[in-house]
Amino acid sequence: MERRSVVAEVRDAFRTELDSGQQSALISWMAFTTVFGGVRGVTHAIKAGKGPFRNLSVGGEHLHHYMWGIGMLAGVGAIAVRGTEELRRHPGTAVAYGAALALIVDEFALLLDLKDVYWAKQGRISVDLAVSGSSLAGTYFAALPVIRKVSRRMRGL
């Protein structure tokens, strides 16, 4: 049996072990996890005044990133309602959905009009850990059929 790269094995398992709905779910979880982690990093850098990142404001009003998430989610909804099946199952739609949810979830307390405890250390650590753990677990379980197939192939079974 020829040895293929791990990337080739993952690509093959993704295509053969997951139906189109499972593929979309996995892509969405991966996008959610990646965007949520990236947003956390960027917001911490902004708060610390490090790096090239700054808050975006228009007319003196801060534009929170949940706003972009809501806009993206509206676009995904339009695709779900009016798009073709090919467009609904397109990887870009799954990425937009996962990314939009990450942007919204990261600032969910602001949407509920709760006290602005966004930067309170105790609150942020627990929320960051909970959402990060959930997103990693969701990605893992969505990818489990792919992981199992790649593992079997790499062991030569």
C-alpha atoms as a PDB file:
ATOM      1  CA  MET A   1       0.000   0.000   0.000  1.00  0.00           C
ATOM      2  CA  GLU A   2       1.354   3.405  -0.933  1.00  0.00           C
ATOM      3  CA  ARG A   3       1.824   5.976   1.817  1.00  0.00           C
ATOM      4  CA  ARG A   4      -0.080   9.172   1.187  1.00  0.00           C
ATOM      5  CA  SER A   5       0.354  12.449   2.973  1.00  0.00           C
ATOM      6  CA  VAL A   6      -1.821  13.262   5.952  1.00  0.00           C
ATOM      7  CA  VAL A   7      -3.339  16.136   3.951  1.00  0.00           C
ATOM      8  CA  ALA A   8      -4.349  13.733   1.163  1.00  0.00           C
ATOM      9  CA  GLU A   9      -5.820  11.325   3.721  1.00  0.00           C
ATOM     10  CA  VAL A  10      -7.829  14.080   5.419  1.00  0.00           C
ATOM     11  CA  ARG A  11      -9.104  15.368   2.071  1.00  0.00           C
ATOM     12  CA  ASP A  12     -10.158  11.845   1.044  1.00  0.00           C
ATOM     13  CA  ALA A  13     -11.827  11.136   4.400  1.00  0.00           C
ATOM     14  CA  PHE A  14     -13.634  14.475   4.326  1.00  0.00           C
ATOM     15  CA  ARG A  15     -15.122  13.642   0.930  1.00  0.00           C
ATOM     16  CA  THR A  16     -15.952   9.977   1.566  1.00  0.00           C
ATOM     17  CA  GLU A  17     -16.949   9.853   5.239  1.00  0.00           C
ATOM     18  CA  LEU A  18     -19.115  12.961   5.471  1.00  0.00           C
ATOM     19  CA  ASP A  19     -22.272  13.792   3.557  1.00  0.00           C
ATOM     20  CA  SER A  20     -22.694  17.384   2.368  1.00  0.00           C
ATOM     21  CA  GLY A  21     -24.530  18.417   5.540  1.00  0.00           C
ATOM     22  CA  GLN A  22     -21.790  16.972   7.752  1.00  0.00           C
ATOM     23  CA  GLN A  23     -19.145  18.690   5.632  1.00  0.00           C
ATOM     24  CA  SER A  24     -20.936  22.029   6.085  1.00  0.00           C
ATOM     25  CA  ALA A  25     -21.241  21.460   9.846  1.00  0.00           C
ATOM     26  CA  LEU A  26     -17.529  20.677  10.184  1.00  0.00           C
ATOM     27  CA  ILE A  27     -16.535  23.701   8.106  1.00  0.00           C
ATOM     28  CA  SER A  28     -18.847  25.903  10.200  1.00  0.00           C
ATOM     29  CA  TRP A  29     -17.386  24.632  13.500  1.00  0.00           C
ATOM     30  CA  MET A  30     -13.851  25.151  12.200  1.00  0.00           C
ATOM     31  CA  ALA A  31     -14.704  28.700  11.104  1.00  0.00           C
ATOM     32  CA  PHE A  32     -16.385  29.442  14.439  1.00  0.00           C
ATOM     33  CA  THR A  33     -13.381  28.173  16.396  1.00  0.00           C
ATOM     34  CA  THR A  34     -10.864  30.034  14.236  1.00  0.00           C
ATOM     35  CA  VAL A  35     -12.749  33.344  14.156  1.00  0.00           C
ATOM     36  CA  PHE A  36     -13.612  33.246  17.855  1.00  0.00           C
ATOM     37  CA  GLY A  37      -9.947  32.648  18.741  1.00  0.00           C
ATOM     38  CA  GLY A  38      -8.820  35.364  16.340  1.00  0.00           C
ATOM     39  CA  VAL A  39     -11.335  37.885  17.646  1.00  0.00           C
ATOM     40  CA  ARG A  40     -10.298  37.143  21.230  1.00  0.00           C
ATOM     41  CA  GLY A  41      -6.668  37.739  20.284  1.00  0.00           C
ATOM     42  CA  VAL A  42      -7.416  40.969  18.428  1.00  0.00           C
ATOM     43  CA  THR A  43      -9.633  42.374  21.187  1.00  0.00           C
ATOM     44  CA  HIS A  44      -7.026  41.595  23.823  1.00  0.00           C
ATOM     45  CA  ALA A  45      -4.385  43.317  21.663  1.00  0.00           C
ATOM     46  CA  ILE A  46      -6.642  46.376  21.270  1.00  0.00           C
ATOM     47  CA  LYS A  47      -7.267  46.528  25.010  1.00  0.00           C
ATOM     48  CA  ALA A  48      -3.523  46.266  25.689  1.00  0.00           C
ATOM     49  CA  GLY A  49      -2.708  48.860  23.005  1.00  0.00           C
ATOM     50  CA  LYS A  50      -0.435  46.418  21.150  1.00  0.00           C
ATOM     51  CA  GLY A  51      -0.158  45.701  17.477  1.00  0.00           C
ATOM     52  CA  PRO A  52      -1.771  47.444  14.529  1.00  0.00           C
ATOM     53  CA  PHE A  53      -5.355  46.859  15.679  1.00  0.00           C
ATOM     54  CA  ARG A  54      -7.672  49.649  16.815  1.00  0.00           C
ATOM     55  CA  ASN A  55     -11.380  49.941  17.497  1.00  0.00           C
ATOM     56  CA  LEU A  56     -13.459  50.941  14.490  1.00  0.00           C
ATOM     57  CA  SER A  57     -15.674  53.962  15.046  1.00  0.00           C
ATOM     58  CA  VAL A  58     -17.966  56.019  12.837  1.00  0.00           C
ATOM     59  CA  GLY A  59     -19.006  59.458  14.008  1.00  0.00           C
ATOM     60  CA  GLY A  60     -17.569  58.755  17.437  1.00  0.00           C
ATOM     61  CA  GLU A  61     -19.653  55.586  17.845  1.00  0.00           C
ATOM     62  CA  HIS A  62     -17.795  52.308  18.335  1.00  0.00           C
ATOM     63  CA  LEU A  63     -18.831  49.603  15.885  1.00  0.00           C
ATOM     64  CA  HIS A  64     -18.947  46.337  17.806  1.00  0.00           C
ATOM     65  CA  HIS A  65     -18.066  43.195  15.888  1.00  0.00           C
ATOM     66  CA  TYR A  66     -21.424  41.556  16.625  1.00  0.00           C
ATOM     67  CA  MET A  67     -22.807  44.025  14.056  1.00  0.00           C
ATOM     68  CA  TRP A  68     -20.689  42.422  11.315  1.00  0.00           C
ATOM     69  CA  GLY A  69     -21.800  38.994  12.508  1.00  0.00           C
ATOM     70  CA  ILE A  70     -25.467  39.951  12.284  1.00  0.00           C
ATOM     71  CA  GLY A  71     -24.911  41.272   8.753  1.00  0.00           C
ATOM     72  CA  MET A  72     -23.145  38.079   7.719  1.00  0.00           C
ATOM     73  CA  LEU A  73     -25.869  35.952   9.307  1.00  0.00           C
ATOM     74  CA  ALA A  74     -28.490  37.930   7.365  1.00  0.00           C
ATOM     75  CA  GLY A  75     -26.599  37.064   4.170  1.00  0.00           C
ATOM     76  CA  VAL A  76     -26.470  33.381   5.082  1.00  0.00           C
ATOM     77  CA  GLY A  77     -30.199  33.518   5.846  1.00  0.00           C
ATOM     78  CA  ALA A  78     -30.873  34.981   2.417  1.00  0.00           C
ATOM     79  CA  ILE A  79     -28.915  32.123   0.851  1.00  0.00           C
ATOM     80  CA  ALA A  80     -30.888  29.602   2.926  1.00  0.00           C
ATOM     81  CA  VAL A  81     -34.209  31.114   1.835  1.00  0.00           C
ATOM     82  CA  ARG A  82     -33.493  31.892  -1.815  1.00  0.00           C
ATOM     83  CA  GLY A  83     -30.203  30.258  -2.787  1.00  0.00           C
ATOM     84  CA  THR A  84     -29.753  27.131  -4.824  1.00  0.00           C
ATOM     85  CA  GLU A  85     -28.887  23.864  -3.108  1.00  0.00           C
ATOM     86  CA  GLU A  86     -25.353  24.191  -4.503  1.00  0.00           C
ATOM     87  CA  LEU A  87     -24.998  27.647  -2.934  1.00  0.00           C
ATOM     88  CA  ARG A  88     -26.499  26.501   0.395  1.00  0.00           C
ATOM     89  CA  ARG A  89     -23.942  23.670   0.588  1.00  0.00           C
ATOM     90  CA  HIS A  90     -21.033  25.797  -0.645  1.00  0.00           C
ATOM     91  CA  PRO A  91     -18.070  25.867   1.775  1.00  0.00           C
ATOM     92  CA  GLY A  92     -18.114  29.678   1.711  1.00  0.00           C
ATOM     93  CA  THR A  93     -21.644  29.680   3.115  1.00  0.00           C
ATOM     94  CA  ALA A  94     -20.567  27.356   5.934  1.00  0.00           C
ATOM     95  CA  VAL A  95     -17.542  29.550   6.685  1.00  0.00           C
ATOM     96  CA  ALA A  96     -19.700  32.694   6.734  1.00  0.00           C
ATOM     97  CA  TYR A  97     -22.197  31.037   9.091  1.00  0.00           C
ATOM     98  CA  GLY A  98     -19.548  29.860  11.584  1.00  0.00           C
ATOM     99  CA  ALA A  99     -17.654  33.151  11.448  1.00  0.00           C
ATOM    100  CA  ALA A 100     -20.848  35.197  11.904  1.00  0.00           C
ATOM    101  CA  LEU A 101     -21.861  33.201  14.963  1.00  0.00           C
ATOM    102  CA  ALA A 102     -18.403  33.636  16.486  1.00  0.00           C
ATOM    103  CA  LEU A 103     -18.600  37.416  16.063  1.00  0.00           C
ATOM    104  CA  ILE A 104     -22.040  37.478  17.686  1.00  0.00           C
ATOM    105  CA  VAL A 105     -21.292  35.049  20.520  1.00  0.00           C
ATOM    106  CA  ASP A 106     -18.150  36.944  21.492  1.00  0.00           C
ATOM    107  CA  GLU A 107     -20.232  40.019  22.363  1.00  0.00           C
ATOM    108  CA  PHE A 108     -23.461  38.332  23.380  1.00  0.00           C
ATOM    109  CA  ALA A 109     -23.676  40.135  26.738  1.00  0.00           C
ATOM    110  CA  LEU A 110     -23.813  43.463  24.911  1.00  0.00           C
ATOM    111  CA  LEU A 111     -26.737  42.250  22.801  1.00  0.00           C
ATOM    112  CA  LEU A 112     -28.650  41.368  25.948  1.00  0.00           C
ATOM    113  CA  ASP A 113     -27.918  44.861  27.261  1.00  0.00           C
ATOM    114  CA  LEU A 114     -26.271  43.460  30.330  1.00  0.00           C
ATOM    115  CA  LYS A 115     -23.840  45.470  32.354  1.00  0.00           C
ATOM    116  CA  ASP A 116     -20.727  46.096  30.295  1.00  0.00           C
ATOM    117  CA  VAL A 117     -18.569  43.535  32.057  1.00  0.00           C
ATOM    118  CA  TYR A 118     -16.871  42.675  28.805  1.00  0.00           C
ATOM    119  CA  TRP A 119     -13.423  43.293  30.235  1.00  0.00           C
ATOM    120  CA  ALA A 120     -14.040  42.173  33.828  1.00  0.00           C
ATOM    121  CA  LYS A 121     -11.324  39.562  34.305  1.00  0.00           C
ATOM    122  CA  GLN A 122     -13.414  37.020  36.183  1.00  0.00           C
ATOM    123  CA  GLY A 123     -16.228  37.124  33.644  1.00  0.00           C
ATOM    124  CA  ARG A 124     -14.036  37.078  30.562  1.00  0.00           C
ATOM    125  CA  ILE A 125     -11.881  34.135  31.603  1.00  0.00           C
ATOM    126  CA  SER A 126     -14.846  31.878  32.285  1.00  0.00           C
ATOM    127  CA  VAL A 127     -16.640  32.904  29.088  1.00  0.00           C
ATOM    128  CA  ASP A 128     -13.475  32.536  26.998  1.00  0.00           C
ATOM    129  CA  LEU A 129     -12.820  29.062  28.383  1.00  0.00           C
ATOM    130  CA  ALA A 130     -16.428  27.927  28.003  1.00  0.00           C
ATOM    131  CA  VAL A 131     -16.813  29.085  24.420  1.00  0.00           C
ATOM    132  CA  SER A 132     -13.334  27.924  23.424  1.00  0.00           C
ATOM    133  CA  GLY A 133     -13.932  24.494  24.931  1.00  0.00           C
ATOM    134  CA  SER A 134     -17.351  24.230  23.281  1.00  0.00           C
ATOM    135  CA  SER A 135     -16.025  25.239  19.883  1.00  0.00           C
ATOM    136  CA  LEU A 136     -13.128  22.791  20.062  1.00  0.00           C
ATOM    137  CA  ALA A 137     -15.447  19.979  21.199  1.00  0.00           C
ATOM    138  CA  GLY A 138     -17.936  20.755  18.423  1.00  0.00           C
ATOM    139  CA  THR A 139     -15.176  20.782  15.822  1.00  0.00           C
ATOM    140  CA  TYR A 140     -13.793  17.489  17.148  1.00  0.00           C
ATOM    141  CA  PHE A 141     -17.150  15.695  17.089  1.00  0.00           C
ATOM    142  CA  ALA A 142     -18.029  17.073  13.651  1.00  0.00           C
ATOM    143  CA  ALA A 143     -14.616  15.857  12.378  1.00  0.00           C
ATOM    144  CA  LEU A 144     -14.710  12.465  14.137  1.00  0.00           C
ATOM    145  CA  PRO A 145     -15.566  10.410  11.011  1.00  0.00           C
ATOM    146  CA  VAL A 146     -12.657  12.040   9.168  1.00  0.00           C
ATOM    147  CA  ILE A 147     -10.275  11.532  12.111  1.00  0.00           C
ATOM    148  CA  ARG A 148     -11.233   7.845  12.377  1.00  0.00           C
ATOM    149  CA  LYS A 149     -10.717   7.151   8.679  1.00  0.00           C
ATOM    150  CA  VAL A 150      -7.379   8.960   8.539  1.00  0.00           C
ATOM    151  CA  SER A 151      -6.239   7.160  11.672  1.00  0.00           C
ATOM    152  CA  ARG A 152      -7.158   3.749  10.174  1.00  0.00           C
ATOM    153  CA  ARG A 153      -5.440   4.580   6.883  1.00  0.00           C
ATOM    154  CA  MET A 154      -2.295   5.899   8.532  1.00  0.00           C
ATOM    155  CA  ARG A 155      -2.029   2.701  10.624  1.00  0.00           C
ATOM    156  CA  GLY A 156      -2.488   0.668   7.446  1.00  0.00           C
ATOM    157  CA  LEU A 157      -5.799  -0.967   8.416  1.00  0.00           C
END
